[in-house]
Amino acid sequence: MNLSKGFLLVVVAIFAYLSLLLVLPFAQYVLGAILVAYILSPVQTGLERRGGISPPIAAFVLVAATVAGVIVPLVIVIALVASDARRLVENTETGSIGTTDLERYIEEQTGMSVDLTATLTDSAQGIGSTVLEQSTAWFSALTHTAVGLGVAIFLLYYLLKDGDTLLAWIRELTPLPNDVQDEFYRELDAVMWAVLVGHVLIAIVQGTLAGLGLVATGVPNAAFWTVIMIVLSLIPLIGSFLVWGPAVGFLFLTNEPVLAVGLLGYSTIVVGLSDDYLRPLLVDRYADLNPAVIILGVLGGVYAFGVMGLFYGPVVLGALIATLNVVNDNYDELEEAQGVQ
């Protein structure tokens, strides 16, 4: 390597590092935009080729549809979940836990008179002061979220509009033969769809079906628990049972045996069989990922990438496996190409 090449590589490394610093504050939104763009890219291609629509207009239509069909409903769901979470907190306030009876019991057992209501009120006031102090941080978080969503929407538009150009540029920069690149992208595409369709979609279906059961049987805070079940359904061998199982016990304890039996039967048959039927139907069409890859990818992905790690964690591990397969299949060809150079 001569001095000129070394200098250029150092310059590239410096600007790559600085660019990374610019992206990191909005990493979650960038990853989300890339994910949505990947899902919508076949629709973008169809609108351009079959519908005869120009790339900018097709991209604008898809972005508008995403905002109306995904972001707005997601905000509504988050609001419902926050409302349910607030009610969960309210249910633990002094009026709902019987402080008078507890004070009487403590006095009978210890001979000491206590005022739990006053103590809890003081604690609540302290919490309120802390909340007031943190209001600036909350405002900053809301502002960051709004800016991040704006970045994601604009990035999504340009990824859809110029996605083909971007991929062609990446292929040109990649020092691999075209046939090897084709195989690599096929393997990576299979992994992406296996995770998105074979696992994420199934988790959404299972969690939603289980949530409908909670709503039908009158379990409190059903929206909050539905979101929890969707997340749990992403993890193989765990699933939504960790929520609807205790919900069945809750209905029994609240003297609702008919509803409890109904929820048990519905969850066991409908929710359980949805996995048995959907997973072979969807997963078999794409790459077959071992459950261990999904579990490690989901749990490790959350720590590494935050919320988006639920999707990207399994993809990263699956991409590693796909890359190793491509290297194994084409190692001799790559050696020969290096020798020719």
Protein backbone atom coordinates (compact mmCIF):
# COMPACT_ATOMS: atom_id res chain seq x y z
CA MET A 1 0.00 0.00 0.00
CA ASN A 2 1.49 3.32 -1.05
CA LEU A 3 1.26 6.62 0.80
CA SER A 4 -1.58 7.99 -1.34
CA LYS A 5 -3.83 4.96 -0.74
CA GLY A 6 -3.04 5.04 2.97
CA PHE A 7 -3.95 8.72 3.17
CA LEU A 8 -7.27 8.14 1.38
CA LEU A 9 -8.13 5.26 3.69
CA VAL A 10 -7.44 7.44 6.74
CA VAL A 11 -9.65 10.20 5.31
CA VAL A 12 -12.42 7.67 4.63
CA ALA A 13 -12.13 6.34 8.19
CA ILE A 14 -12.32 9.86 9.68
CA PHE A 15 -15.39 10.86 7.70
CA ALA A 16 -17.03 7.49 8.32
CA TYR A 17 -16.55 8.00 12.07
CA LEU A 18 -17.93 11.56 11.93
CA SER A 19 -20.90 10.36 9.88
CA LEU A 20 -21.55 7.66 12.45
CA LEU A 21 -21.67 10.31 15.18
CA LEU A 22 -24.32 12.15 13.16
CA VAL A 23 -26.46 9.05 12.71
CA LEU A 24 -26.23 7.54 16.20
CA PRO A 25 -28.64 10.00 17.91
CA PHE A 26 -31.36 8.87 15.48
CA ALA A 27 -30.21 5.27 15.06
CA GLN A 28 -33.60 3.80 16.05
CA TYR A 29 -35.42 5.92 13.49
CA VAL A 30 -32.86 5.22 10.75
CA LEU A 31 -33.14 1.48 11.36
CA GLY A 32 -36.92 1.78 11.35
CA ALA A 33 -36.91 3.67 8.05
CA ILE A 34 -34.61 1.05 6.47
CA LEU A 35 -36.89 -1.74 7.69
CA VAL A 36 -40.06 -0.12 6.34
CA ALA A 37 -38.32 0.74 3.05
CA TYR A 38 -37.27 -2.89 2.67
CA ILE A 39 -40.84 -4.07 3.23
CA LEU A 40 -42.31 -1.52 0.81
CA SER A 41 -39.67 -1.85 -1.91
CA PRO A 42 -41.63 -4.54 -3.84
CA VAL A 43 -44.69 -2.25 -3.78
CA GLN A 44 -42.56 0.66 -4.98
CA THR A 45 -41.27 -1.47 -7.86
CA GLY A 46 -44.79 -2.57 -8.76
CA LEU A 47 -46.10 1.00 -8.81
CA GLU A 48 -43.23 2.10 -11.06
CA ARG A 49 -43.27 -0.78 -13.53
CA ARG A 50 -46.89 -1.89 -13.64
CA GLY A 51 -48.62 1.30 -12.63
CA GLY A 52 -46.45 3.56 -14.74
CA ILE A 53 -45.97 5.96 -11.82
CA SER A 54 -42.76 7.96 -11.52
CA PRO A 55 -40.46 7.03 -8.59
CA PRO A 56 -40.99 10.31 -6.66
CA ILE A 57 -44.78 10.09 -6.84
CA ALA A 58 -44.81 6.37 -5.96
CA ALA A 59 -42.52 7.02 -3.00
CA PHE A 60 -44.68 9.92 -1.81
CA VAL A 61 -47.84 7.79 -2.02
CA LEU A 62 -46.23 4.98 -0.01
CA VAL A 63 -44.86 7.36 2.63
CA ALA A 64 -48.29 8.99 3.00
CA ALA A 65 -49.91 5.56 3.29
CA THR A 66 -47.32 4.56 5.91
CA VAL A 67 -47.98 7.67 7.98
CA ALA A 68 -51.75 7.18 7.79
CA GLY A 69 -51.78 3.40 8.16
CA VAL A 70 -48.87 2.77 10.52
CA ILE A 71 -47.60 5.83 12.38
CA VAL A 72 -50.99 7.30 13.31
CA PRO A 73 -52.43 3.95 14.52
CA LEU A 74 -49.17 3.31 16.37
CA VAL A 75 -49.49 6.63 18.20
CA ILE A 76 -53.07 5.71 19.13
CA VAL A 77 -51.95 2.31 20.41
CA ILE A 78 -49.17 3.92 22.44
CA ALA A 79 -51.71 6.33 23.92
CA LEU A 80 -53.98 3.42 24.87
CA VAL A 81 -51.09 1.50 26.40
CA ALA A 82 -50.00 4.58 28.35
CA SER A 83 -53.56 5.03 29.59
CA ASP A 84 -53.67 1.41 30.73
CA ALA A 85 -50.30 1.78 32.44
CA ARG A 86 -51.56 4.89 34.22
CA ARG A 87 -54.60 2.99 35.45
CA LEU A 88 -52.31 0.23 36.73
CA VAL A 89 -50.46 2.84 38.78
CA GLU A 90 -53.70 4.41 40.00
CA ASN A 91 -54.92 1.03 41.20
CA THR A 92 -52.01 0.95 43.65
CA GLU A 93 -52.90 4.27 45.24
CA THR A 94 -54.05 4.51 48.84
CA GLY A 95 -57.73 4.26 48.13
CA SER A 96 -57.44 0.89 46.45
CA ILE A 97 -55.21 -1.00 48.88
CA GLY A 98 -57.19 -0.58 52.10
CA THR A 99 -54.77 1.45 54.23
CA THR A 100 -57.26 1.75 57.11
CA ASP A 101 -57.49 -2.02 57.60
CA LEU A 102 -53.73 -2.33 57.27
CA GLU A 103 -53.13 0.41 59.85
CA ARG A 104 -55.52 -1.33 62.29
CA TYR A 105 -53.77 -4.67 61.76
CA ILE A 106 -50.32 -3.18 62.40
CA GLU A 107 -51.56 -1.47 65.57
CA GLU A 108 -53.10 -4.72 66.86
CA GLN A 109 -49.94 -6.69 66.23
CA THR A 110 -47.32 -4.19 67.35
CA GLY A 111 -49.18 -1.73 69.56
CA MET A 112 -47.82 1.11 67.43
CA SER A 113 -50.08 3.63 65.74
CA VAL A 114 -49.09 4.41 62.16
CA ASP A 115 -50.54 6.74 59.55
CA LEU A 116 -49.91 5.02 56.23
CA THR A 117 -52.09 7.49 54.35
CA ALA A 118 -49.95 10.43 55.43
CA THR A 119 -46.77 8.52 54.66
CA LEU A 120 -47.97 7.57 51.21
CA THR A 121 -49.16 11.12 50.60
CA ASP A 122 -45.72 12.48 51.48
CA SER A 123 -44.16 9.93 49.15
CA ALA A 124 -46.55 10.95 46.40
CA GLN A 125 -45.63 14.58 46.91
CA GLY A 126 -41.96 13.68 46.65
CA ILE A 127 -42.64 11.77 43.46
CA GLY A 128 -44.60 14.71 42.13
CA SER A 129 -41.67 17.03 42.79
CA THR A 130 -39.36 14.63 40.99
CA VAL A 131 -41.77 14.46 38.05
CA LEU A 132 -41.86 18.25 37.89
CA GLU A 133 -38.08 18.38 37.90
CA GLN A 134 -37.96 15.83 35.09
CA SER A 135 -40.47 17.70 32.93
CA THR A 136 -37.66 19.38 31.00
CA ALA A 137 -36.15 15.99 30.22
CA TRP A 138 -39.55 14.72 29.08
CA PHE A 139 -40.00 17.73 26.83
CA SER A 140 -36.56 17.08 25.38
CA ALA A 141 -37.48 13.42 24.79
CA LEU A 142 -40.72 14.41 23.04
CA THR A 143 -38.83 16.88 20.87
CA HIS A 144 -36.26 14.23 19.99
CA THR A 145 -39.05 11.82 19.11
CA ALA A 146 -40.74 14.35 16.84
CA VAL A 147 -37.46 15.16 15.08
CA GLY A 148 -36.64 11.46 14.82
CA LEU A 149 -39.97 10.68 13.20
CA GLY A 150 -39.38 13.49 10.73
CA VAL A 151 -35.95 12.07 9.90
CA ALA A 152 -37.44 8.60 9.45
CA ILE A 153 -40.19 9.86 7.13
CA PHE A 154 -37.78 11.82 4.91
CA LEU A 155 -35.28 8.94 4.89
CA LEU A 156 -38.04 6.50 3.97
CA TYR A 157 -39.04 8.68 1.03
CA TYR A 158 -35.53 8.84 -0.40
CA LEU A 159 -34.83 5.15 0.24
CA LEU A 160 -37.92 4.27 -1.78
CA LYS A 161 -37.26 6.81 -4.52
CA ASP A 162 -33.52 6.16 -4.93
CA GLY A 163 -33.28 2.64 -3.54
CA ASP A 164 -32.27 1.06 -6.85
CA THR A 165 -29.54 3.64 -7.37
CA LEU A 166 -28.25 3.05 -3.83
CA LEU A 167 -28.11 -0.72 -4.33
CA ALA A 168 -26.32 -0.33 -7.66
CA TRP A 169 -23.75 1.94 -5.97
CA ILE A 170 -23.21 -0.60 -3.17
CA ARG A 171 -22.78 -3.42 -5.70
CA GLU A 172 -20.23 -1.35 -7.59
CA LEU A 173 -18.20 -0.67 -4.44
CA THR A 174 -18.32 -4.30 -3.26
CA PRO A 175 -15.18 -6.16 -4.38
CA LEU A 176 -16.98 -9.44 -5.14
CA PRO A 177 -17.96 -11.10 -8.43
CA ASN A 178 -21.54 -10.43 -9.54
CA ASP A 179 -22.67 -14.05 -9.13
CA VAL A 180 -21.35 -14.13 -5.55
CA GLN A 181 -23.12 -10.86 -4.78
CA ASP A 182 -26.33 -12.22 -6.28
CA GLU A 183 -26.17 -15.30 -4.07
CA PHE A 184 -25.34 -13.22 -1.01
CA TYR A 185 -28.30 -10.89 -1.54
CA ARG A 186 -30.62 -13.84 -2.14
CA GLU A 187 -29.53 -15.42 1.15
CA LEU A 188 -29.88 -12.13 3.01
CA ASP A 189 -33.30 -11.48 1.47
CA ALA A 190 -34.48 -14.93 2.57
CA VAL A 191 -33.30 -14.27 6.12
CA MET A 192 -35.02 -10.87 6.25
CA TRP A 193 -38.36 -12.25 5.10
CA ALA A 194 -38.04 -15.29 7.37
CA VAL A 195 -37.73 -12.96 10.37
CA LEU A 196 -40.35 -10.43 9.27
CA VAL A 197 -43.00 -12.81 7.96
CA GLY A 198 -42.17 -16.04 9.73
CA HIS A 199 -41.71 -14.58 13.20
CA VAL A 200 -42.71 -10.92 13.53
CA LEU A 201 -45.99 -11.32 11.64
CA ILE A 202 -46.85 -14.46 13.59
CA ALA A 203 -46.07 -12.67 16.87
CA ILE A 204 -48.37 -9.79 15.93
CA VAL A 205 -51.16 -12.21 14.97
CA GLN A 206 -50.78 -14.29 18.13
CA GLY A 207 -50.55 -11.31 20.46
CA THR A 208 -53.55 -9.65 18.85
CA LEU A 209 -55.66 -12.81 19.01
CA ALA A 210 -54.74 -13.28 22.67
CA GLY A 211 -55.54 -9.61 23.32
CA LEU A 212 -58.99 -10.04 21.81
CA GLY A 213 -59.56 -12.83 24.31
CA LEU A 214 -58.63 -10.50 27.18
CA VAL A 215 -60.99 -7.83 25.87
CA ALA A 216 -63.85 -10.30 25.43
CA THR A 217 -63.50 -11.63 28.98
CA GLY A 218 -63.17 -8.19 30.57
CA VAL A 219 -59.58 -8.45 31.79
CA PRO A 220 -58.45 -4.95 32.89
CA ASN A 221 -55.84 -3.00 30.89
CA ALA A 222 -56.18 -5.30 27.87
CA ALA A 223 -54.38 -2.92 25.48
CA PHE A 224 -51.29 -2.83 27.67
CA TRP A 225 -51.17 -6.62 28.04
CA THR A 226 -51.76 -7.12 24.32
CA VAL A 227 -48.57 -5.21 23.51
CA ILE A 228 -46.70 -7.26 26.11
CA MET A 229 -48.00 -10.49 24.52
CA ILE A 230 -46.91 -9.38 21.05
CA VAL A 231 -43.38 -8.81 22.34
CA LEU A 232 -43.36 -12.12 24.23
CA SER A 233 -44.61 -13.95 21.14
CA LEU A 234 -41.42 -12.91 19.37
CA ILE A 235 -39.52 -15.27 21.67
CA PRO A 236 -39.97 -18.97 20.80
CA LEU A 237 -41.02 -21.36 23.58
CA ILE A 238 -42.25 -18.44 25.73
CA GLY A 239 -45.04 -16.70 23.89
CA SER A 240 -48.19 -15.03 25.12
CA PHE A 241 -48.96 -17.70 27.76
CA LEU A 242 -47.03 -15.67 30.32
CA VAL A 243 -49.88 -13.13 30.17
CA TRP A 244 -53.06 -15.01 29.32
CA GLY A 245 -52.18 -17.82 31.77
CA PRO A 246 -52.20 -15.51 34.81
CA ALA A 247 -55.24 -13.75 33.31
CA VAL A 248 -57.14 -17.05 33.53
CA GLY A 249 -56.11 -17.33 37.20
CA PHE A 250 -57.20 -13.73 37.78
CA LEU A 251 -60.68 -14.48 36.43
CA PHE A 252 -60.97 -17.52 38.69
CA LEU A 253 -59.92 -15.47 41.72
CA THR A 254 -62.47 -12.77 40.90
CA ASN A 255 -65.30 -15.32 40.84
CA GLU A 256 -65.61 -15.46 37.04
CA PRO A 257 -65.16 -19.21 36.41
CA VAL A 258 -67.14 -19.21 33.14
CA LEU A 259 -65.03 -16.40 31.68
CA ALA A 260 -61.87 -18.09 32.96
CA VAL A 261 -62.72 -21.38 31.27
CA GLY A 262 -63.72 -19.51 28.11
CA LEU A 263 -60.40 -17.61 28.02
CA LEU A 264 -58.46 -20.82 28.69
CA GLY A 265 -60.21 -22.68 25.87
CA TYR A 266 -59.93 -19.76 23.44
CA SER A 267 -56.25 -19.15 24.15
CA THR A 268 -55.33 -22.83 24.01
CA ILE A 269 -57.20 -23.57 20.80
CA VAL A 270 -57.25 -20.36 18.75
CA VAL A 271 -53.97 -18.75 19.88
CA GLY A 272 -52.12 -22.04 20.16
CA LEU A 273 -53.25 -23.45 16.82
CA SER A 274 -52.50 -20.17 15.04
CA ASP A 275 -48.82 -20.87 15.66
CA ASP A 276 -49.11 -24.50 14.54
CA TYR A 277 -50.74 -23.50 11.24
CA LEU A 278 -49.10 -20.18 10.44
CA ARG A 279 -45.49 -21.01 11.23
CA PRO A 280 -45.10 -23.95 8.79
CA LEU A 281 -47.10 -22.03 6.16
CA LEU A 282 -44.96 -18.88 6.36
CA VAL A 283 -41.55 -19.99 7.60
CA ASP A 284 -41.17 -22.83 5.11
CA ARG A 285 -41.36 -20.32 2.26
CA TYR A 286 -38.22 -18.58 3.45
CA ALA A 287 -35.04 -19.39 5.36
CA ASP A 288 -35.45 -21.82 8.22
CA LEU A 289 -33.98 -20.15 11.28
CA ASN A 290 -33.28 -22.20 14.38
CA PRO A 291 -35.29 -21.09 17.46
CA ALA A 292 -31.99 -20.54 19.30
CA VAL A 293 -31.05 -17.93 16.68
CA ILE A 294 -34.38 -16.16 17.22
CA ILE A 295 -34.14 -16.20 21.03
CA LEU A 296 -30.55 -14.96 21.13
CA GLY A 297 -31.23 -12.45 18.36
CA VAL A 298 -34.32 -10.96 20.03
CA LEU A 299 -32.88 -10.73 23.54
CA GLY A 300 -29.40 -9.63 22.48
CA GLY A 301 -30.81 -7.32 19.81
CA VAL A 302 -32.77 -5.31 22.39
CA TYR A 303 -29.58 -4.67 24.35
CA ALA A 304 -27.55 -3.85 21.23
CA PHE A 305 -30.05 -1.88 19.13
CA GLY A 306 -32.86 -0.93 21.50
CA VAL A 307 -36.45 -1.51 20.37
CA MET A 308 -35.43 -2.11 16.76
CA GLY A 309 -33.28 -4.98 17.99
CA LEU A 310 -36.47 -7.04 18.22
CA PHE A 311 -36.32 -7.14 14.41
CA TYR A 312 -32.65 -6.63 13.61
CA GLY A 313 -31.18 -8.99 16.22
CA PRO A 314 -32.32 -12.22 14.50
CA VAL A 315 -31.52 -10.67 11.11
CA VAL A 316 -27.90 -10.02 12.13
CA LEU A 317 -27.37 -13.61 13.29
CA GLY A 318 -29.20 -14.97 10.26
CA ALA A 319 -27.09 -12.76 7.99
CA LEU A 320 -23.94 -14.15 9.59
CA ILE A 321 -25.09 -17.69 8.84
CA ALA A 322 -26.02 -16.68 5.28
CA THR A 323 -22.61 -15.03 4.78
CA LEU A 324 -20.79 -18.13 6.01
CA ASN A 325 -22.83 -20.24 3.59
CA VAL A 326 -21.92 -17.94 0.70
CA VAL A 327 -18.23 -18.02 1.64
CA ASN A 328 -18.30 -21.81 1.90
CA ASP A 329 -20.01 -22.17 -1.48
CA ASN A 330 -17.77 -19.69 -3.30
CA TYR A 331 -14.43 -19.86 -1.48
CA ASP A 332 -12.58 -21.58 -4.32
CA GLU A 333 -13.99 -19.14 -6.88
CA LEU A 334 -12.89 -16.17 -4.76
CA GLU A 335 -9.38 -17.59 -4.45
CA GLU A 336 -9.14 -18.06 -8.21
CA ALA A 337 -10.36 -14.51 -8.81
CA GLN A 338 -7.72 -13.20 -6.37
CA GLY A 339 -5.06 -15.21 -8.17
CA VAL A 340 -6.07 -13.79 -11.56
CA GLN A 341 -5.72 -10.26 -10.23
